[in-house]
N, C-alpha and C. Protein backbone atom coordinates (compact mmCIF):
# COMPACT_ATOMS: atom_id res chain seq x y z
N MET A 1 3.17 27.98 37.90
CA MET A 1 3.82 28.09 36.56
C MET A 1 2.79 27.13 35.09
N LEU A 2 2.54 28.55 34.56
CA LEU A 2 2.11 27.43 33.25
C LEU A 2 2.60 26.79 32.53
N MET A 3 1.51 26.51 31.93
CA MET A 3 2.46 24.25 31.28
C MET A 3 2.66 25.43 29.55
N PRO A 4 3.44 24.77 29.12
CA PRO A 4 3.63 25.73 26.98
C PRO A 4 2.61 25.35 27.01
N LYS A 5 2.06 25.75 25.96
CA LYS A 5 1.15 25.51 24.53
C LYS A 5 1.16 24.58 24.28
N MET A 6 0.15 23.45 23.43
CA MET A 6 0.54 22.39 22.55
C MET A 6 1.11 23.05 21.33
N LYS A 7 1.56 22.41 20.70
CA LYS A 7 1.68 22.48 19.65
C LYS A 7 1.74 21.47 18.76
N SER A 8 0.50 22.03 17.50
CA SER A 8 0.04 20.44 16.99
C SER A 8 1.38 20.44 15.70
N ASN A 9 1.42 19.01 15.21
CA ASN A 9 1.96 18.84 14.15
C ASN A 9 1.72 19.32 13.17
N SER A 10 2.82 19.90 12.25
CA SER A 10 2.15 20.95 11.41
C SER A 10 2.35 20.05 10.27
N GLY A 11 2.98 19.11 9.93
CA GLY A 11 2.70 16.91 8.74
C GLY A 11 1.19 17.12 9.69
N ALA A 12 0.63 17.04 10.29
CA ALA A 12 -0.45 16.94 10.20
C ALA A 12 -1.74 17.24 9.64
N ARG A 13 -0.89 18.50 10.20
CA ARG A 13 -2.08 19.80 9.21
C ARG A 13 -2.58 19.66 8.59
N LYS A 14 -1.53 19.26 7.64
CA LYS A 14 -1.16 19.82 6.18
C LYS A 14 -2.19 18.10 5.40
N ARG A 15 -2.24 17.45 6.09
CA ARG A 15 -2.75 16.60 5.50
C ARG A 15 -3.93 16.02 6.16
N PHE A 16 -5.24 16.24 7.27
CA PHE A 16 -6.65 15.41 7.12
C PHE A 16 -6.82 16.67 8.25
N LYS A 17 -7.92 17.42 7.22
CA LYS A 17 -8.73 17.93 7.59
C LYS A 17 -10.06 17.92 8.19
N VAL A 18 -11.00 18.05 9.52
CA VAL A 18 -11.99 17.96 9.76
C VAL A 18 -13.39 17.92 9.67
N THR A 19 -14.04 17.59 8.88
CA THR A 19 -15.74 17.08 8.67
C THR A 19 -16.06 17.65 9.27
N ALA A 20 -17.50 19.11 8.56
CA ALA A 20 -18.11 19.11 9.92
C ALA A 20 -18.96 18.65 10.96
N THR A 21 -18.72 16.96 10.94
CA THR A 21 -19.33 16.09 11.27
C THR A 21 -18.10 15.44 12.91
N GLY A 22 -17.36 16.41 12.68
CA GLY A 22 -15.89 16.06 13.53
C GLY A 22 -14.97 14.26 13.16
N LYS A 23 -15.18 13.86 11.55
CA LYS A 23 -14.71 12.70 11.46
C LYS A 23 -13.95 14.16 10.66
N LEU A 24 -12.46 12.96 10.10
CA LEU A 24 -11.04 13.34 10.38
C LEU A 24 -11.48 13.18 8.37
N ALA A 25 -10.88 13.91 7.50
CA ALA A 25 -10.65 12.67 5.67
C ALA A 25 -8.99 13.66 5.74
N ARG A 26 -8.80 12.73 4.61
CA ARG A 26 -7.22 11.96 4.31
C ARG A 26 -7.14 12.05 2.74
N LYS A 27 -6.14 12.42 2.04
CA LYS A 27 -6.37 11.62 0.25
C LYS A 27 -5.77 10.29 0.86
N LYS A 28 -6.08 9.73 -0.47
CA LYS A 28 -5.63 7.77 -0.53
C LYS A 28 -3.60 8.37 -1.27
N ALA A 29 -3.02 7.74 -0.46
CA ALA A 29 -2.10 7.11 -1.68
C ALA A 29 -1.85 6.35 -2.36
N TYR A 30 -0.04 6.43 -2.91
CA TYR A 30 0.19 6.20 -4.07
C TYR A 30 -0.33 6.55 -5.28
N LYS A 31 -0.40 7.63 -5.31
CA LYS A 31 -0.62 8.87 -6.76
C LYS A 31 0.48 9.36 -6.89
N SER A 32 1.55 9.11 -6.71
CA SER A 32 2.26 10.07 -6.63
C SER A 32 3.23 9.97 -7.88
N HIS A 33 3.33 8.66 -8.31
CA HIS A 33 5.15 8.67 -8.87
C HIS A 33 4.56 6.97 -9.64
N ILE A 34 5.01 6.89 -10.16
CA ILE A 34 5.18 5.49 -10.15
C ILE A 34 3.87 5.36 -11.61
N LEU A 35 3.32 5.41 -12.21
CA LEU A 35 1.45 6.07 -12.11
C LEU A 35 1.22 5.43 -14.04
N THR A 36 2.52 5.22 -14.79
CA THR A 36 2.09 4.35 -16.39
C THR A 36 2.10 3.08 -15.64
N LYS A 37 2.36 1.99 -14.93
CA LYS A 37 1.67 1.05 -14.12
C LYS A 37 -0.31 0.74 -14.01
N LYS A 38 0.58 2.13 -13.49
CA LYS A 38 -1.38 1.53 -13.03
C LYS A 38 -2.70 2.24 -13.81
N SER A 39 -3.57 1.31 -13.64
CA SER A 39 -4.74 1.72 -14.64
C SER A 39 -5.66 2.66 -14.29
N ALA A 40 -5.69 3.21 -15.41
CA ALA A 40 -6.87 4.12 -15.43
C ALA A 40 -7.97 4.52 -13.79
N LYS A 41 -8.34 3.10 -13.69
CA LYS A 41 -9.98 2.81 -12.73
C LYS A 41 -9.21 3.52 -11.84
N ARG A 42 -8.09 2.19 -11.65
CA ARG A 42 -7.85 2.56 -10.05
C ARG A 42 -6.89 4.24 -10.10
N LYS A 43 -6.03 4.47 -11.03
CA LYS A 43 -5.80 6.24 -10.37
C LYS A 43 -7.30 6.90 -10.29
N ARG A 44 -8.01 6.64 -10.74
CA ARG A 44 -9.72 7.49 -10.53
C ARG A 44 -9.87 7.41 -9.79
N GLY A 45 -9.85 6.26 -8.48
CA GLY A 45 -10.44 5.72 -7.65
C GLY A 45 -9.29 6.84 -6.43
N LEU A 46 -7.80 6.46 -7.06
CA LEU A 46 -7.64 7.33 -5.43
C LEU A 46 -8.09 8.78 -5.73
N ARG A 47 -7.94 9.87 -6.65
CA ARG A 47 -8.30 10.38 -6.62
C ARG A 47 -9.42 11.26 -5.59
N GLU A 48 -10.58 10.37 -4.42
CA GLU A 48 -10.95 10.79 -4.24
C GLU A 48 -10.64 10.80 -2.62
N SER A 49 -10.89 11.20 -1.55
CA SER A 49 -10.29 11.72 -0.62
C SER A 49 -11.35 10.44 0.25
N THR A 50 -10.61 10.16 2.08
CA THR A 50 -11.48 8.38 2.09
C THR A 50 -11.68 9.45 3.45
N LEU A 51 -11.89 9.14 5.10
CA LEU A 51 -12.21 8.70 5.96
C LEU A 51 -11.03 8.31 7.01
N VAL A 52 -10.49 8.87 7.32
CA VAL A 52 -9.38 8.70 8.24
C VAL A 52 -10.23 7.47 9.73
N ASP A 53 -9.86 5.64 9.91
CA ASP A 53 -10.55 5.15 10.46
C ASP A 53 -11.01 5.99 11.70
N LYS A 54 -11.64 5.15 12.32
CA LYS A 54 -11.98 5.52 13.64
C LYS A 54 -11.04 4.75 14.67
N THR A 55 -10.62 4.10 14.27
CA THR A 55 -9.52 3.55 15.81
C THR A 55 -8.15 4.57 15.29
N ASP A 56 -8.06 5.08 14.46
CA ASP A 56 -7.23 5.87 14.67
C ASP A 56 -7.07 7.33 14.71
N ALA A 57 -8.37 7.79 14.68
CA ALA A 57 -9.17 8.44 14.50
C ALA A 57 -9.01 9.66 16.01
N PRO A 58 -8.86 9.75 16.89
CA PRO A 58 -8.61 10.06 18.09
C PRO A 58 -6.82 11.08 18.02
N ARG A 59 -5.41 9.57 17.23
CA ARG A 59 -4.50 9.83 17.62
C ARG A 59 -4.14 11.12 16.49
N MET A 60 -5.33 11.00 15.34
CA MET A 60 -5.09 11.84 14.50
C MET A 60 -5.78 13.24 15.07
N LYS A 61 -6.39 13.22 16.03
CA LYS A 61 -7.36 13.99 16.52
C LYS A 61 -6.35 15.66 17.40
N ARG A 62 -5.57 14.43 18.26
CA ARG A 62 -4.66 15.01 18.80
C ARG A 62 -3.49 15.35 18.02
N LEU A 63 -2.57 15.49 17.09
CA LEU A 63 -1.90 15.30 16.81
C LEU A 63 -2.09 16.94 15.85
N ILE A 64 -3.50 17.22 15.45
CA ILE A 64 -3.94 18.36 14.91
C ILE A 64 -4.24 19.65 15.61
N GLN A 65 -5.29 19.04 16.84
CA GLN A 65 -5.07 19.65 17.90
C GLN A 65 -4.38 20.86 18.31
N SER A 66 -5.49 22.68 18.14
CA SER A 66 -4.17 23.70 17.62
C SER A 66 -4.47 23.99 19.83
């Protein structure tokens, strides 16, 4: 009997991208609403994407594997 295929977590698949070096890229949080009280400098910093921490990466990779 064959094991069923693993499904990727569709929420995680939309939120994380694997870079060319195999690391995971993600967007920063706190940029969707209540923006008037946040400074322009803070919002500008939130625009940039960043990498998932190396301690969390194995778990996230398991979620997005197909």
